[in-house]
Amino acid sequence: MTVKGGGIDGFFKIAERGSSIGTEVRGGLVTFLTMAYIVVLNPLILGFVPDSTGTFLGGGTEPGSGIPAIAAGTALVAGLLTILMGGLANFPLALATGLGLNAFVANSIARVSTWGDAMGLVVLEGIVILALVLTGFRKAVFHAVPQQLKVAISVGIGLFIALIGFVDARFVTRIPDAYQTTVPVQLGADGHLVGWPVLVFCLGLLLMIGLWVRRVRGAILISILASTVLAVVIEAVGDLGPASADNPGGWSLSVPSLSGDLVGLPSFDTLGEVDLFGAFSSVEGGVLAALLLVFSLLLADFFDTMGTMTAIGAEAGLNDEAGTPENAQRILVVDSVAAIAGGAAGVSSNTSYIESASGVGEGARTGLASVVTGVLFLLAMFVTPLVAAIPSEAAVPALVLVGFLMMQQVTEIDWRDVEIAIPAFLTVVLMPFTYSISVGIGAGFVAHVLIKVVTGKVREVHPLMWIVAGLFVVYFAYSPISGWLS
C-alpha cells in the first residue's frame, strides 16, 4: 500500500486529486482501449497513398507494403510521448498520430512531393509550434480567448467525439453519391441499422449507460471488455469480415479475430524517412506553397491541442477559474515535441487525443493514467493482432457517453447574450458538422471579432484575437490562395 504523499502517490498527486492508483490504472487502460484503433487506422490512411514518385510509405512499390512498419512506428511514438506527458505534465492526456492531420499529409503533401518531403514539413511544423510554446505565444493566445468561448470549445468537442463514435460504429453512415441527394448522412446503411456489429455497439452503449447510471465502478471498461468478447464470438460464428459497399453488415475499422500470430517483433522501416527541406523544391509553387502547407498543419495542430487540453481539464476538474489546466505549459511542450517525433518517425504528426476523455470518465485524474496508456502502446508494438481484436464497435460507446458528459457544460454559456452566444454556437455546431475541431474554433474566433467590430466594442478584443482570427481567415481561404500560388 502506497503511503499518501510518498512514492507513486506523491509524485502524481493521486490522493490530492481525489483518485487512487487502481482508478488511474483503470482509466489508462480505458483510454488505450478507446484509441488503440489508431494503430490499425493510421497504416490504412498512410499506407495506400503513393507519393509523386509512386513510392509508398516505408519504401515499397506495392500498396500497403509498409503497413507493419507504420503500425509499429505509430505505437512506438504514441507510447513514448504519452509516457512523457504523464511524467512531465502529470495530466491524463494521451497522444498519437492525429486523424485529419495524417490524411492531410498523405493526400495534400505526399502526393505532390515525396514521403520524406512530407514528413520533413511535419517536423518543421512541430519545431515552429515548439518555438511558439517556449516563447509563451501559444499560452498567451490561450489566455486571450474569452472563458465562455473556451466552454463552447469543450462542448463542441463533446458533440464531435460522440459523432466519431456513431460513425466508427456505422450507426451513422454517409449516403452514397449514387443517391444524388444533398442529405449527407443517414441512420445505418440505407436508412436502417444493418448487421451484427451495429448490434454489438448498441448493446455495448446500453450496457455502459446502465452501469454508469447505477454508478458501477469500471462501467466503461466492463462494457468494452464484454462487448469485445461478444464481438469475437459473433465473428467466429458468422465470419462477417470488414465492412464494404458489398458487405454493409461487416465490422467498421477492425475485425475481431484472434487467428494467426499474436506476437511478433516490430519493424521500424519508416523511422528517419525525413527530408527536412525537400518539399521547398519538390512542391509546385516552391517555397511559398511549402510554407502555406506548414501553416495549414500548424493551425490545425495548434488549436486542436488547446481545445482538447481544455476539454479534458474541464472534465477532470483540473482547470483553474480561467479555464486553464495545471501545468499547461508542460502539456503544450510535450504536444509540440510529439509533432516533431511523429514526423521524424515517418508516421505523421502526433497530437493530444480527445479520446483521453474516456479514461477521465472512468476516473483518471493524473499522469499515471497516461503512463499506463503509454506502456500499453509500447506493448502493442509486439501484439498488434490483439489490439486489432478490439473492434471499434466495442470501444466507441465510450466516446458517446463522454460526449454526453462534456455536453453538460453547455449551461455555462449565456445563450441570451448574442455577442457570446453566436460565436459559441458556431464553435459547437461546426466541429461535428465539418468533422474538424479547428474549423469550429476558427469560426468562433472570427465571429467573435466580427461581432465586436460591428457593435463598436473593438477595444474589448484582445490583440492576439485579432492575429489569430486573421490567421484563420487565411486558413479558410487556403484553396484559393494555393490556387493563386500555383
Protein backbone atom coordinates (compact mmCIF):
# COMPACT_ATOMS: atom_id res chain seq x y z
CA MET A 1 0.00 0.00 0.00
CA THR A 2 1.39 3.39 -1.01
CA VAL A 3 1.62 5.98 1.73
CA LYS A 4 -0.18 9.21 0.93
CA GLY A 5 2.30 11.91 -0.03
CA GLY A 6 5.09 9.49 -0.95
CA GLY A 7 6.12 7.21 -3.81
CA ILE A 8 3.85 6.98 -6.81
CA ASP A 9 1.02 8.66 -4.94
CA GLY A 10 3.14 11.66 -4.04
CA PHE A 11 4.77 12.05 -7.44
CA PHE A 12 1.49 12.03 -9.34
CA LYS A 13 -0.58 13.74 -6.56
CA ILE A 14 -3.07 10.89 -6.79
CA ALA A 15 -4.69 11.25 -3.37
CA GLU A 16 -4.53 15.04 -3.60
CA ARG A 17 -6.68 14.90 -6.72
CA GLY A 18 -9.16 12.51 -5.15
CA SER A 19 -8.12 9.44 -7.09
CA SER A 20 -6.40 6.11 -6.39
CA ILE A 21 -3.74 4.04 -8.10
CA GLY A 22 -6.33 1.46 -9.13
CA THR A 23 -8.55 4.13 -10.65
CA GLU A 24 -5.64 5.63 -12.57
CA VAL A 25 -4.59 2.24 -13.94
CA ARG A 26 -8.16 1.51 -14.97
CA GLY A 27 -8.52 4.94 -16.58
CA GLY A 28 -5.28 4.50 -18.51
CA LEU A 29 -6.45 1.13 -19.76
CA VAL A 30 -9.79 2.53 -20.89
CA THR A 31 -8.07 5.38 -22.75
CA PHE A 32 -5.83 2.87 -24.50
CA LEU A 33 -8.75 0.65 -25.49
CA THR A 34 -10.65 3.67 -26.79
CA MET A 35 -7.83 4.95 -29.00
CA ALA A 36 -5.94 1.74 -29.82
CA TYR A 37 -7.70 1.81 -33.18
CA ILE A 38 -5.10 4.34 -34.37
CA VAL A 39 -2.51 1.55 -34.52
CA VAL A 40 -4.71 -0.08 -37.14
CA LEU A 41 -6.24 3.01 -38.76
CA ASN A 42 -3.10 5.13 -39.30
CA PRO A 43 -1.45 2.48 -41.53
CA LEU A 44 -4.65 2.31 -43.60
CA ILE A 45 -4.58 6.08 -44.15
CA LEU A 46 -0.85 6.42 -44.83
CA GLY A 47 -0.01 3.03 -46.31
CA PHE A 48 -2.07 3.12 -49.50
CA VAL A 49 -1.18 6.56 -50.89
CA PRO A 50 1.73 6.75 -53.36
CA ASP A 51 3.91 9.84 -53.39
CA SER A 52 4.79 11.71 -56.58
CA THR A 53 7.39 9.04 -57.41
CA GLY A 54 4.97 6.15 -56.98
CA THR A 55 6.59 5.03 -53.72
CA PHE A 56 4.54 4.06 -50.68
CA LEU A 57 5.44 4.96 -47.11
CA GLY A 58 8.06 2.52 -45.88
CA GLY A 59 9.85 2.41 -49.21
CA GLY A 60 7.77 -0.17 -51.04
CA THR A 61 6.25 -0.03 -54.51
CA GLU A 62 3.14 -2.05 -53.64
CA PRO A 63 0.12 -0.56 -51.84
CA GLY A 64 0.13 -1.50 -48.18
CA SER A 65 3.68 -2.85 -48.22
CA GLY A 66 4.67 -0.57 -45.34
CA ILE A 67 1.69 -1.27 -43.08
CA PRO A 68 3.58 -3.36 -40.46
CA ALA A 69 6.24 -0.68 -40.11
CA ILE A 70 3.69 2.15 -39.96
CA ALA A 71 1.73 0.29 -37.26
CA ALA A 72 4.88 -0.31 -35.19
CA GLY A 73 6.03 3.31 -35.58
CA THR A 74 2.59 4.58 -34.67
CA ALA A 75 2.56 2.55 -31.46
CA LEU A 76 6.17 3.47 -30.61
CA VAL A 77 5.74 7.25 -30.82
CA ALA A 78 2.33 7.17 -29.15
CA GLY A 79 3.75 5.14 -26.28
CA LEU A 80 6.85 7.24 -25.66
CA LEU A 81 5.13 10.62 -25.91
CA THR A 82 2.14 9.59 -23.80
CA ILE A 83 4.52 8.41 -21.07
CA LEU A 84 6.33 11.74 -21.35
CA MET A 85 3.02 13.57 -20.99
CA GLY A 86 2.20 11.64 -17.85
CA GLY A 87 5.61 12.00 -16.27
CA LEU A 88 6.38 15.61 -17.19
CA ALA A 89 2.95 17.27 -17.16
CA ASN A 90 1.08 14.92 -14.77
CA PHE A 91 -2.03 15.20 -16.91
CA PRO A 92 -4.38 12.36 -18.01
CA LEU A 93 -3.86 13.04 -21.71
CA ALA A 94 -2.69 10.53 -24.31
CA LEU A 95 -1.09 11.31 -27.67
CA ALA A 96 -0.98 9.51 -31.01
CA THR A 97 -0.96 10.24 -34.72
CA GLY A 98 -3.54 12.95 -35.40
CA LEU A 99 -6.50 11.93 -37.51
CA GLY A 100 -7.19 14.53 -40.15
CA LEU A 101 -3.56 15.61 -39.95
CA ASN A 102 -2.44 12.24 -41.34
CA ALA A 103 -4.98 12.42 -44.15
CA PHE A 104 -3.79 15.94 -44.99
CA VAL A 105 -0.16 14.78 -45.02
CA ALA A 106 -0.98 11.81 -47.25
CA ASN A 107 -3.34 13.39 -49.75
CA SER A 108 -2.26 17.05 -49.86
CA ILE A 109 1.51 16.82 -49.36
CA ALA A 110 2.92 13.38 -50.15
CA ARG A 111 1.04 13.09 -53.44
CA VAL A 112 2.75 16.25 -54.74
CA SER A 113 6.20 15.57 -53.27
CA THR A 114 7.73 12.51 -51.59
CA TRP A 115 7.01 10.86 -48.27
CA GLY A 116 10.34 12.11 -46.95
CA ASP A 117 9.48 15.67 -48.01
CA ALA A 118 6.02 15.41 -46.43
CA MET A 119 7.40 14.20 -43.10
CA GLY A 120 10.01 16.97 -43.27
CA LEU A 121 7.23 19.56 -43.30
CA VAL A 122 5.64 17.83 -40.31
CA VAL A 123 8.91 18.13 -38.39
CA LEU A 124 9.22 21.81 -39.34
CA GLU A 125 5.66 22.45 -38.20
CA GLY A 126 6.45 20.85 -34.86
CA ILE A 127 9.59 22.94 -34.44
CA VAL A 128 7.64 26.14 -35.12
CA ILE A 129 4.96 25.18 -32.59
CA LEU A 130 7.61 24.32 -30.00
CA ALA A 131 9.19 27.74 -30.52
CA LEU A 132 5.79 29.41 -30.05
CA VAL A 133 5.29 27.46 -26.83
CA LEU A 134 8.72 28.26 -25.43
CA THR A 135 8.28 31.97 -26.17
CA GLY A 136 4.91 31.92 -24.41
CA PHE A 137 2.95 32.91 -27.53
CA ARG A 138 0.83 29.77 -27.64
CA LYS A 139 -0.17 30.08 -23.99
CA ALA A 140 -0.78 33.81 -24.40
CA VAL A 141 -3.24 33.08 -27.20
CA PHE A 142 -4.96 30.58 -24.95
CA HIS A 143 -5.42 33.19 -22.20
CA ALA A 144 -6.71 35.72 -24.75
CA VAL A 145 -9.72 33.53 -25.57
CA PRO A 146 -12.91 34.52 -23.66
CA GLN A 147 -13.87 31.96 -21.00
CA GLN A 148 -17.31 31.14 -22.43
CA LEU A 149 -15.75 30.54 -25.83
CA LYS A 150 -13.44 28.02 -24.16
CA VAL A 151 -16.52 26.32 -22.73
CA ALA A 152 -18.04 26.22 -26.22
CA ILE A 153 -14.88 24.52 -27.46
CA SER A 154 -15.31 21.80 -24.85
CA VAL A 155 -18.98 21.33 -25.70
CA GLY A 156 -18.26 21.23 -29.43
CA ILE A 157 -15.58 18.62 -28.92
CA GLY A 158 -18.07 16.58 -26.90
CA LEU A 159 -20.50 16.54 -29.82
CA PHE A 160 -17.63 15.87 -32.20
CA ILE A 161 -16.37 12.77 -30.38
CA ALA A 162 -19.92 11.49 -29.95
CA LEU A 163 -20.32 11.73 -33.73
CA ILE A 164 -16.98 9.93 -34.16
CA GLY A 165 -18.37 7.14 -32.01
CA PHE A 166 -21.56 6.82 -34.05
CA VAL A 167 -19.69 6.96 -37.36
CA ASP A 168 -16.97 4.50 -36.36
CA ALA A 169 -19.69 2.05 -35.33
CA ARG A 170 -21.56 2.64 -38.62
CA PHE A 171 -24.61 3.65 -36.62
CA VAL A 172 -24.37 6.77 -38.79
CA THR A 173 -23.09 6.47 -42.36
CA ARG A 174 -22.51 8.68 -45.36
CA ILE A 175 -25.17 8.50 -48.07
CA PRO A 176 -23.60 7.21 -51.32
CA ASP A 177 -23.16 9.71 -54.15
CA ALA A 178 -25.27 7.48 -56.36
CA TYR A 179 -28.36 8.54 -54.43
CA GLN A 180 -27.89 12.10 -55.74
CA THR A 181 -29.19 13.72 -52.56
CA THR A 182 -27.95 16.70 -50.62
CA VAL A 183 -28.55 14.84 -47.34
CA PRO A 184 -25.03 13.93 -46.12
CA VAL A 185 -25.65 11.21 -43.51
CA GLN A 186 -28.20 8.59 -42.53
CA LEU A 187 -29.03 6.01 -39.89
CA GLY A 188 -27.03 2.85 -40.52
CA ALA A 189 -26.96 1.66 -44.11
CA ASP A 190 -29.85 2.67 -46.37
CA GLY A 191 -31.65 4.38 -43.51
CA HIS A 192 -31.78 1.44 -41.11
CA LEU A 193 -29.37 -0.45 -38.88
CA VAL A 194 -27.64 -3.37 -40.60
CA GLY A 195 -25.55 -6.20 -39.23
CA TRP A 196 -24.33 -7.76 -36.02
CA PRO A 197 -21.52 -5.22 -35.46
CA VAL A 198 -24.03 -2.39 -35.03
CA LEU A 199 -25.89 -4.58 -32.56
CA VAL A 200 -22.64 -5.02 -30.60
CA PHE A 201 -22.32 -1.22 -30.50
CA CYS A 202 -25.92 -0.73 -29.37
CA LEU A 203 -25.71 -3.40 -26.68
CA GLY A 204 -22.37 -2.02 -25.51
CA LEU A 205 -23.77 1.51 -25.30
CA LEU A 206 -26.87 0.36 -23.42
CA LEU A 207 -24.75 -1.68 -21.02
CA MET A 208 -22.42 1.26 -20.46
CA ILE A 209 -25.31 3.66 -19.79
CA GLY A 210 -26.95 1.20 -17.44
CA LEU A 211 -23.75 0.63 -15.46
CA TRP A 212 -22.98 4.36 -15.44
CA VAL A 213 -26.32 5.49 -14.04
CA ARG A 214 -26.03 2.74 -11.42
CA ARG A 215 -22.63 4.25 -10.55
CA VAL A 216 -20.80 0.95 -11.10
CA ARG A 217 -17.03 1.49 -10.89
CA GLY A 218 -15.31 0.47 -14.10
CA ALA A 219 -18.51 0.90 -16.12
CA ILE A 220 -16.72 1.91 -19.32
CA LEU A 221 -14.06 -0.80 -19.09
CA ILE A 222 -16.58 -3.53 -18.23
CA SER A 223 -18.67 -2.56 -21.24
CA ILE A 224 -15.70 -2.52 -23.64
CA LEU A 225 -14.45 -5.93 -22.48
CA ALA A 226 -17.91 -7.51 -22.54
CA SER A 227 -18.63 -6.12 -26.00
CA THR A 228 -15.26 -7.35 -27.28
CA VAL A 229 -15.96 -10.89 -26.08
CA LEU A 230 -19.36 -10.77 -27.79
CA ALA A 231 -17.78 -9.43 -30.98
CA VAL A 232 -15.12 -12.17 -31.08
CA VAL A 233 -17.81 -14.85 -30.66
CA ILE A 234 -20.01 -13.32 -33.37
CA GLU A 235 -17.11 -13.11 -35.83
CA ALA A 236 -16.03 -16.68 -35.08
CA VAL A 237 -19.53 -17.94 -35.82
CA GLY A 238 -20.59 -15.61 -38.61
CA ASP A 239 -17.30 -14.76 -40.37
CA LEU A 240 -18.61 -11.29 -41.17
CA GLY A 241 -15.35 -9.67 -42.32
CA PRO A 242 -14.73 -5.95 -42.82
CA ALA A 243 -17.48 -3.56 -43.89
CA SER A 244 -17.61 -2.51 -47.53
CA ALA A 245 -20.11 -1.41 -50.15
CA ASP A 246 -20.86 -5.08 -50.84
CA ASN A 247 -20.79 -6.02 -47.15
CA PRO A 248 -22.55 -3.26 -45.18
CA GLY A 249 -23.03 -5.60 -42.23
CA GLY A 250 -19.30 -6.08 -41.64
CA TRP A 251 -17.00 -4.62 -39.00
CA SER A 252 -16.17 -0.94 -39.35
CA LEU A 253 -12.43 -0.50 -38.65
CA SER A 254 -11.02 -3.80 -37.44
CA VAL A 255 -12.24 -7.40 -37.47
CA PRO A 256 -12.31 -9.01 -34.00
CA SER A 257 -10.35 -12.13 -34.80
CA LEU A 258 -7.62 -13.86 -32.76
CA SER A 259 -6.37 -16.02 -35.63
CA GLY A 260 -2.75 -16.01 -36.84
CA ASP A 261 0.40 -14.99 -34.99
CA LEU A 262 -0.43 -12.95 -31.93
CA VAL A 263 3.11 -11.83 -31.12
CA GLY A 264 5.97 -10.65 -33.36
CA LEU A 265 8.99 -8.37 -33.48
CA PRO A 266 8.14 -4.88 -34.78
CA SER A 267 9.61 -3.34 -37.93
CA PHE A 268 10.66 0.32 -37.89
CA ASP A 269 11.35 0.98 -41.57
CA THR A 270 9.59 4.37 -41.50
CA LEU A 271 11.85 5.84 -38.82
CA GLY A 272 14.07 8.60 -40.17
CA GLU A 273 12.27 8.79 -43.53
CA VAL A 274 12.55 12.59 -43.49
CA ASP A 275 13.86 15.27 -45.84
CA LEU A 276 13.59 18.46 -43.82
CA PHE A 277 13.59 20.98 -46.69
CA GLY A 278 12.88 18.74 -49.68
CA ALA A 279 9.33 19.98 -50.16
CA PHE A 280 10.54 23.55 -50.72
CA SER A 281 11.82 22.45 -54.12
CA SER A 282 9.57 19.49 -54.95
CA VAL A 283 6.15 21.04 -54.31
CA GLU A 284 4.62 23.02 -57.16
CA GLY A 285 4.69 26.65 -56.12
CA GLY A 286 8.07 26.34 -54.43
CA VAL A 287 8.88 27.97 -51.12
CA LEU A 288 5.60 29.88 -50.74
CA ALA A 289 3.48 26.76 -51.37
CA ALA A 290 5.55 24.75 -48.90
CA LEU A 291 5.22 27.47 -46.27
CA LEU A 292 1.45 27.51 -46.77
CA LEU A 293 1.36 23.76 -46.19
CA VAL A 294 3.35 24.17 -42.98
CA PHE A 295 1.00 26.95 -41.91
CA SER A 296 -2.06 24.75 -42.52
CA LEU A 297 -0.56 21.93 -40.47
CA LEU A 298 0.38 24.38 -37.74
CA LEU A 299 -3.07 25.90 -37.37
CA ALA A 300 -4.81 22.53 -37.16
CA ASP A 301 -2.31 21.22 -34.60
CA PHE A 302 -2.14 24.49 -32.65
CA PHE A 303 -5.81 24.80 -31.81
CA ASP A 304 -6.80 21.13 -31.73
CA THR A 305 -4.48 20.65 -28.78
CA MET A 306 -5.69 23.76 -26.99
CA GLY A 307 -9.29 22.63 -27.34
CA THR A 308 -8.52 19.08 -26.31
CA MET A 309 -6.45 20.18 -23.31
CA THR A 310 -9.22 22.48 -22.13
CA ALA A 311 -11.92 19.87 -22.56
CA ILE A 312 -10.01 17.14 -20.72
CA GLY A 313 -9.06 19.54 -17.92
CA ALA A 314 -12.67 20.66 -17.54
CA GLU A 315 -13.99 17.10 -17.44
CA ALA A 316 -11.35 16.09 -14.88
CA GLY A 317 -11.88 19.21 -12.78
CA LEU A 318 -8.26 20.23 -13.26
CA ASN A 319 -8.83 23.69 -14.80
CA ASP A 320 -8.47 26.92 -12.85
CA GLU A 321 -11.01 29.75 -12.84
CA ALA A 322 -9.67 30.98 -16.18
CA GLY A 323 -10.26 27.56 -17.74
CA THR A 324 -6.55 26.69 -17.87
CA PRO A 325 -5.26 23.27 -16.76
CA GLU A 326 -2.45 22.95 -14.26
CA ASN A 327 0.96 22.56 -15.98
CA ALA A 328 -0.49 23.92 -19.23
CA GLN A 329 2.97 24.99 -20.44
CA ARG A 330 4.37 21.49 -19.97
CA ILE A 331 1.37 19.96 -21.71
CA LEU A 332 1.93 22.20 -24.73
CA VAL A 333 5.67 21.47 -24.79
CA VAL A 334 5.10 17.71 -24.85
CA ASP A 335 2.46 18.09 -27.55
CA SER A 336 4.87 20.14 -29.66
CA VAL A 337 7.63 17.56 -29.26
CA ALA A 338 5.09 14.92 -30.30
CA ALA A 339 4.58 16.65 -33.64
CA ILE A 340 8.34 16.59 -34.26
CA ALA A 341 8.63 12.96 -33.14
CA GLY A 342 5.77 11.82 -35.36
CA GLY A 343 7.35 13.39 -38.42
CA ALA A 344 10.80 12.04 -37.58
CA ALA A 345 9.35 8.54 -37.18
CA GLY A 346 7.57 8.79 -40.52
CA VAL A 347 4.07 8.28 -39.09
CA SER A 348 2.73 11.88 -39.32
CA SER A 349 2.25 14.47 -36.60
CA ASN A 350 1.31 13.19 -33.16
CA THR A 351 -1.09 15.24 -31.10
CA SER A 352 -3.27 15.09 -27.98
CA TYR A 353 -6.29 12.81 -28.25
CA ILE A 354 -9.76 13.77 -27.13
CA GLU A 355 -10.40 10.05 -26.59
CA SER A 356 -8.46 10.58 -23.36
CA ALA A 357 -11.81 11.79 -22.05
CA SER A 358 -12.92 8.15 -21.84
CA GLY A 359 -10.22 7.48 -19.24
CA VAL A 360 -11.16 10.67 -17.41
CA GLY A 361 -14.75 9.48 -17.44
CA GLU A 362 -13.50 6.31 -15.78
CA GLY A 363 -11.93 8.40 -13.02
CA ALA A 364 -8.39 9.20 -14.24
CA ARG A 365 -7.09 12.47 -12.80
CA THR A 366 -3.29 12.24 -13.01
CA GLY A 367 -0.40 11.47 -15.31
CA LEU A 368 -0.21 7.90 -14.03
CA ALA A 369 -3.12 7.07 -16.31
CA SER A 370 -1.10 8.42 -19.25
CA VAL A 371 1.92 6.34 -18.24
CA VAL A 372 -0.30 3.24 -18.21
CA THR A 373 -1.70 4.12 -21.64
CA GLY A 374 1.81 4.73 -23.00
CA VAL A 375 3.15 1.41 -21.72
CA LEU A 376 0.22 -0.39 -23.35
CA PHE A 377 1.01 1.34 -26.66
CA LEU A 378 4.61 0.12 -26.42
CA LEU A 379 3.38 -3.40 -25.75
CA ALA A 380 1.03 -3.05 -28.71
CA MET A 381 4.09 -2.97 -30.99
CA PHE A 382 4.51 -6.67 -30.28
CA VAL A 383 0.86 -7.72 -30.16
CA THR A 384 -0.81 -5.73 -32.90
CA PRO A 385 -3.23 -8.60 -33.71
CA LEU A 386 -4.55 -8.49 -30.14
CA VAL A 387 -5.07 -4.74 -30.40
CA ALA A 388 -6.88 -5.26 -33.67
CA ALA A 389 -9.16 -7.78 -31.97
CA ILE A 390 -10.96 -4.92 -30.19
CA PRO A 391 -13.41 -3.65 -32.82
CA SER A 392 -14.43 -0.03 -32.87
CA GLU A 393 -18.00 -1.15 -32.22
CA ALA A 394 -16.92 -2.33 -28.76
CA ALA A 395 -14.79 0.70 -27.86
CA VAL A 396 -16.58 3.75 -29.25
CA PRO A 397 -19.65 3.63 -26.99
CA ALA A 398 -17.26 5.27 -24.52
CA LEU A 399 -16.98 8.25 -26.88
CA VAL A 400 -20.75 8.67 -26.97
CA LEU A 401 -21.03 8.58 -23.18
CA VAL A 402 -18.16 11.01 -22.72
CA GLY A 403 -19.70 13.27 -25.36
CA PHE A 404 -22.77 13.50 -23.14
CA LEU A 405 -20.63 14.29 -20.10
CA MET A 406 -18.86 17.12 -21.93
CA MET A 407 -22.15 18.43 -23.32
CA GLN A 408 -23.32 19.15 -19.77
CA GLN A 409 -21.00 22.19 -19.68
CA VAL A 410 -23.27 23.95 -22.20
CA THR A 411 -25.23 25.51 -19.30
CA GLU A 412 -22.19 27.68 -18.50
CA ILE A 413 -22.74 29.69 -21.70
CA ASP A 414 -25.07 32.69 -21.53
CA TRP A 415 -27.24 31.97 -24.57
CA ARG A 416 -29.21 35.19 -24.07
CA ASP A 417 -26.11 37.28 -24.83
CA VAL A 418 -25.86 37.12 -28.62
CA GLU A 419 -22.34 38.56 -28.59
CA ILE A 420 -21.05 35.37 -27.00
CA ALA A 421 -23.87 33.01 -27.99
CA ILE A 422 -23.37 33.30 -31.76
CA PRO A 423 -19.60 32.59 -31.70
CA ALA A 424 -20.26 29.81 -29.17
CA PHE A 425 -22.98 28.33 -31.37
CA LEU A 426 -20.75 28.31 -34.45
CA THR A 427 -17.95 26.73 -32.45
CA VAL A 428 -20.19 23.99 -31.10
CA VAL A 429 -22.01 23.01 -34.29
CA LEU A 430 -19.21 23.32 -36.83
CA MET A 431 -16.92 20.85 -35.07
CA PRO A 432 -19.20 17.86 -35.70
CA PHE A 433 -20.68 19.29 -38.92
CA THR A 434 -17.24 19.71 -40.54
CA TYR A 435 -15.56 16.84 -38.68
CA SER A 436 -12.86 19.27 -37.59
CA ILE A 437 -12.06 20.83 -34.22
CA SER A 438 -10.01 23.57 -35.87
CA VAL A 439 -12.84 24.70 -38.14
CA GLY A 440 -15.17 25.13 -35.18
CA ILE A 441 -12.61 27.08 -33.20
CA GLY A 442 -11.72 29.25 -36.19
CA ALA A 443 -15.34 30.10 -36.96
CA GLY A 444 -15.95 31.04 -33.33
CA PHE A 445 -12.88 33.27 -33.21
CA VAL A 446 -13.68 35.07 -36.46
CA ALA A 447 -17.33 35.57 -35.42
CA HIS A 448 -16.25 36.92 -32.02
CA VAL A 449 -14.02 39.57 -33.57
CA LEU A 450 -16.59 40.48 -36.25
CA ILE A 451 -19.39 40.96 -33.71
CA LYS A 452 -17.22 43.18 -31.51
CA VAL A 453 -16.37 45.31 -34.57
CA VAL A 454 -19.95 45.78 -35.76
CA THR A 455 -21.16 46.56 -32.22
CA GLY A 456 -18.46 49.19 -31.73
CA LYS A 457 -16.65 47.26 -28.99
CA VAL A 458 -13.30 46.93 -30.73
CA ARG A 459 -11.39 47.69 -27.54
CA GLU A 460 -12.80 44.55 -25.93
CA VAL A 461 -10.97 42.37 -28.46
CA HIS A 462 -7.63 41.10 -27.18
CA PRO A 463 -4.80 41.97 -29.63
CA LEU A 464 -3.92 38.30 -30.02
CA MET A 465 -7.51 37.51 -31.01
CA TRP A 466 -7.08 39.87 -33.96
CA ILE A 467 -3.98 38.00 -35.04
CA VAL A 468 -5.47 34.54 -34.62
CA ALA A 469 -8.75 35.48 -36.32
CA GLY A 470 -6.76 36.86 -39.25
CA LEU A 471 -4.75 33.66 -39.48
CA PHE A 472 -7.94 31.63 -39.51
CA VAL A 473 -9.26 33.74 -42.39
CA VAL A 474 -6.14 32.71 -44.31
CA TYR A 475 -6.72 29.11 -43.19
CA PHE A 476 -10.29 29.11 -44.51
CA ALA A 477 -9.08 30.67 -47.79
CA TYR A 478 -6.38 28.01 -48.25
CA SER A 479 -7.78 26.70 -51.54
CA PRO A 480 -7.94 30.00 -53.49
CA ILE A 481 -4.58 31.06 -52.07
CA SER A 482 -2.88 27.80 -53.03
CA GLY A 483 -4.52 28.00 -56.45
CA TRP A 484 -3.16 31.52 -56.89
CA LEU A 485 0.33 30.34 -55.93
CA SER A 486 0.11 27.51 -58.43
